[in-house]
Amino acid sequence: MQPKILAASRSQVECELHENHPLRLVAAEGRRIHCVSGVVWITAYGEPIDIFLRPGMSYTVPNRGLVLAEAVGNCRILVDLPRAFDYTPYRLDVLELFRRIGRVFQQRPKRIA
């Protein structure tokens, strides 16, 4: 079975993992993976050893490389989401960009004679 999202909040997501179906995390530097039940096997890019978490244990992703989290049997984990999950400033910047682009297109093209 593919990884399944059980619950989500603004700060973290709870997933159910199964053997041979890893969860891929990309650019997750600084995010915490917390084992709720079962055993989770974590392989992180550039790390010399793999990590095994049991219930109550956590692991903080050390870099922006690929991280694979897979169950040994079945397990449940919590993964922290990015801190700033409010994209309001980003939306404002994009809206301003579209306004500027719109102004450029509203200008009449110069005729070449």
C-alpha atoms as a PDB file:
ATOM      1  CA  MET A   1       0.000   0.000   0.000  1.00  0.00           C
ATOM      2  CA  GLN A   2       1.140   3.530  -0.751  1.00  0.00           C
ATOM      3  CA  PRO A   3       1.765   5.943   2.147  1.00  0.00           C
ATOM      4  CA  LYS A   4      -1.567   7.152   3.479  1.00  0.00           C
ATOM      5  CA  ILE A   5      -2.299  10.509   5.113  1.00  0.00           C
ATOM      6  CA  LEU A   6      -4.341   9.960   8.261  1.00  0.00           C
ATOM      7  CA  ALA A   7      -4.549  13.528   9.577  1.00  0.00           C
ATOM      8  CA  ALA A   8      -3.091  16.939   8.870  1.00  0.00           C
ATOM      9  CA  SER A   9      -2.822  20.253  10.651  1.00  0.00           C
ATOM     10  CA  ARG A  10      -1.018  23.500   9.869  1.00  0.00           C
ATOM     11  CA  SER A  11       2.121  22.215  11.592  1.00  0.00           C
ATOM     12  CA  GLN A  12       2.338  18.483  10.830  1.00  0.00           C
ATOM     13  CA  VAL A  13       0.910  15.575   8.912  1.00  0.00           C
ATOM     14  CA  GLU A  14       0.323  12.033  10.209  1.00  0.00           C
ATOM     15  CA  CYS A  15       1.063   9.220   7.757  1.00  0.00           C
ATOM     16  CA  GLU A  16       0.636   5.477   7.763  1.00  0.00           C
ATOM     17  CA  LEU A  17       3.498   3.662   6.043  1.00  0.00           C
ATOM     18  CA  HIS A  18       3.818   0.091   4.811  1.00  0.00           C
ATOM     19  CA  GLU A  19       6.796  -2.058   3.962  1.00  0.00           C
ATOM     20  CA  ASN A  20       8.250  -1.651   0.434  1.00  0.00           C
ATOM     21  CA  HIS A  21       6.377   1.648  -0.134  1.00  0.00           C
ATOM     22  CA  PRO A  22       8.636   4.498   1.044  1.00  0.00           C
ATOM     23  CA  LEU A  23       7.556   8.073   1.630  1.00  0.00           C
ATOM     24  CA  ARG A  24       9.759  10.499  -0.338  1.00  0.00           C
ATOM     25  CA  LEU A  25      10.661  13.816   1.276  1.00  0.00           C
ATOM     26  CA  VAL A  26      12.505  16.386  -0.839  1.00  0.00           C
ATOM     27  CA  ALA A  27      14.090  19.612   0.432  1.00  0.00           C
ATOM     28  CA  ALA A  28      12.905  18.847   3.973  1.00  0.00           C
ATOM     29  CA  GLU A  29      15.928  20.202   5.844  1.00  0.00           C
ATOM     30  CA  GLY A  30      15.132  20.872   9.498  1.00  0.00           C
ATOM     31  CA  ARG A  31      11.830  19.008   9.470  1.00  0.00           C
ATOM     32  CA  ARG A  32      11.218  16.464  12.219  1.00  0.00           C
ATOM     33  CA  ILE A  33      10.002  12.910  11.635  1.00  0.00           C
ATOM     34  CA  HIS A  34       8.440  11.409  14.761  1.00  0.00           C
ATOM     35  CA  CYS A  35       7.552   7.706  15.071  1.00  0.00           C
ATOM     36  CA  VAL A  36       4.103   7.166  16.595  1.00  0.00           C
ATOM     37  CA  SER A  37       3.855   3.374  16.243  1.00  0.00           C
ATOM     38  CA  GLY A  38       5.819   0.535  14.658  1.00  0.00           C
ATOM     39  CA  VAL A  39       9.355   0.978  13.321  1.00  0.00           C
ATOM     40  CA  VAL A  40      10.332   3.445  10.604  1.00  0.00           C
ATOM     41  CA  TRP A  41      13.511   3.107   8.525  1.00  0.00           C
ATOM     42  CA  ILE A  42      14.973   6.428   7.325  1.00  0.00           C
ATOM     43  CA  THR A  43      17.597   6.872   4.623  1.00  0.00           C
ATOM     44  CA  ALA A  44      18.833  10.464   4.118  1.00  0.00           C
ATOM     45  CA  TYR A  45      20.999  11.777   1.293  1.00  0.00           C
ATOM     46  CA  GLY A  46      24.632  12.182   2.288  1.00  0.00           C
ATOM     47  CA  GLU A  47      24.271  10.427   5.640  1.00  0.00           C
ATOM     48  CA  PRO A  48      26.636   7.485   6.217  1.00  0.00           C
ATOM     49  CA  ILE A  49      24.122   5.361   8.143  1.00  0.00           C
ATOM     50  CA  ASP A  50      20.406   4.665   8.051  1.00  0.00           C
ATOM     51  CA  ILE A  51      18.209   5.521  11.024  1.00  0.00           C
ATOM     52  CA  PHE A  52      15.610   3.273  12.677  1.00  0.00           C
ATOM     53  CA  LEU A  53      13.005   4.934  14.875  1.00  0.00           C
ATOM     54  CA  ARG A  54      10.771   3.229  17.407  1.00  0.00           C
ATOM     55  CA  PRO A  55       7.665   4.791  19.016  1.00  0.00           C
ATOM     56  CA  GLY A  56       8.506   8.060  20.770  1.00  0.00           C
ATOM     57  CA  MET A  57      11.762   8.625  18.842  1.00  0.00           C
ATOM     58  CA  SER A  58      12.354  11.523  16.425  1.00  0.00           C
ATOM     59  CA  TYR A  59      14.784  12.404  13.654  1.00  0.00           C
ATOM     60  CA  THR A  60      15.518  15.849  12.215  1.00  0.00           C
ATOM     61  CA  VAL A  61      16.323  15.909   8.492  1.00  0.00           C
ATOM     62  CA  PRO A  62      19.925  17.201   8.182  1.00  0.00           C
ATOM     63  CA  ASN A  63      19.958  18.557   4.616  1.00  0.00           C
ATOM     64  CA  ARG A  64      17.898  19.393   1.526  1.00  0.00           C
ATOM     65  CA  GLY A  65      18.598  16.063  -0.206  1.00  0.00           C
ATOM     66  CA  LEU A  66      16.181  13.190  -0.742  1.00  0.00           C
ATOM     67  CA  VAL A  67      14.926  11.387   2.369  1.00  0.00           C
ATOM     68  CA  LEU A  68      13.124   8.044   2.240  1.00  0.00           C
ATOM     69  CA  ALA A  69      11.014   6.901   5.180  1.00  0.00           C
ATOM     70  CA  GLU A  70       9.785   3.309   5.043  1.00  0.00           C
ATOM     71  CA  ALA A  71       8.018   1.063   7.519  1.00  0.00           C
ATOM     72  CA  VAL A  72       9.432  -2.165   8.852  1.00  0.00           C
ATOM     73  CA  GLY A  73       6.073  -3.910   8.687  1.00  0.00           C
ATOM     74  CA  ASN A  74       3.579  -1.088   9.299  1.00  0.00           C
ATOM     75  CA  CYS A  75       4.057   2.188  11.153  1.00  0.00           C
ATOM     76  CA  ARG A  76       2.617   5.634  11.740  1.00  0.00           C
ATOM     77  CA  ILE A  77       4.718   8.804  11.683  1.00  0.00           C
ATOM     78  CA  LEU A  78       4.271  12.534  12.156  1.00  0.00           C
ATOM     79  CA  VAL A  79       6.158  14.836   9.782  1.00  0.00           C
ATOM     80  CA  ASP A  80       6.552  18.527  10.529  1.00  0.00           C
ATOM     81  CA  LEU A  81       5.378  20.864   7.789  1.00  0.00           C
ATOM     82  CA  PRO A  82       7.200  24.087   6.894  1.00  0.00           C
ATOM     83  CA  ARG A  83       6.846  26.689   9.634  1.00  0.00           C
ATOM     84  CA  ALA A  84       5.426  29.389   7.406  1.00  0.00           C
ATOM     85  CA  PHE A  85       2.466  27.582   5.906  1.00  0.00           C
ATOM     86  CA  ASP A  86       0.796  30.952   5.388  1.00  0.00           C
ATOM     87  CA  TYR A  87       1.631  32.047   1.856  1.00  0.00           C
ATOM     88  CA  THR A  88       0.013  35.501   2.069  1.00  0.00           C
ATOM     89  CA  PRO A  89       3.267  37.472   1.462  1.00  0.00           C
ATOM     90  CA  TYR A  90       4.069  35.215  -1.494  1.00  0.00           C
ATOM     91  CA  ARG A  91       0.596  35.753  -2.976  1.00  0.00           C
ATOM     92  CA  LEU A  92       0.985  39.517  -2.639  1.00  0.00           C
ATOM     93  CA  ASP A  93       4.310  39.427  -4.495  1.00  0.00           C
ATOM     94  CA  VAL A  94       2.801  37.343  -7.306  1.00  0.00           C
ATOM     95  CA  LEU A  95      -0.194  39.683  -7.584  1.00  0.00           C
ATOM     96  CA  GLU A  96       2.146  42.662  -7.868  1.00  0.00           C
ATOM     97  CA  LEU A  97       4.117  40.849 -10.574  1.00  0.00           C
ATOM     98  CA  PHE A  98       0.918  40.209 -12.559  1.00  0.00           C
ATOM     99  CA  ARG A  99      -0.074  43.873 -12.186  1.00  0.00           C
ATOM    100  CA  ARG A 100       3.278  44.960 -13.615  1.00  0.00           C
ATOM    101  CA  ILE A 101       3.016  42.498 -16.487  1.00  0.00           C
ATOM    102  CA  GLY A 102      -0.516  43.757 -17.172  1.00  0.00           C
ATOM    103  CA  ARG A 103       0.745  47.346 -17.372  1.00  0.00           C
ATOM    104  CA  VAL A 104       3.341  46.329 -19.940  1.00  0.00           C
ATOM    105  CA  PHE A 105       0.705  44.659 -22.122  1.00  0.00           C
ATOM    106  CA  GLN A 106      -1.654  47.644 -21.780  1.00  0.00           C
ATOM    107  CA  GLN A 107       0.900  49.973 -23.305  1.00  0.00           C
ATOM    108  CA  ARG A 108       0.352  50.512 -26.986  1.00  0.00           C
ATOM    109  CA  PRO A 109       3.069  49.117 -29.205  1.00  0.00           C
ATOM    110  CA  LYS A 110       5.130  51.659 -31.089  1.00  0.00           C
ATOM    111  CA  ARG A 111       4.649  51.646 -34.824  1.00  0.00           C
ATOM    112  CA  ILE A 112       7.641  51.075 -36.924  1.00  0.00           C
ATOM    113  CA  ALA A 113       7.534  53.272 -40.030  1.00  0.00           C
END
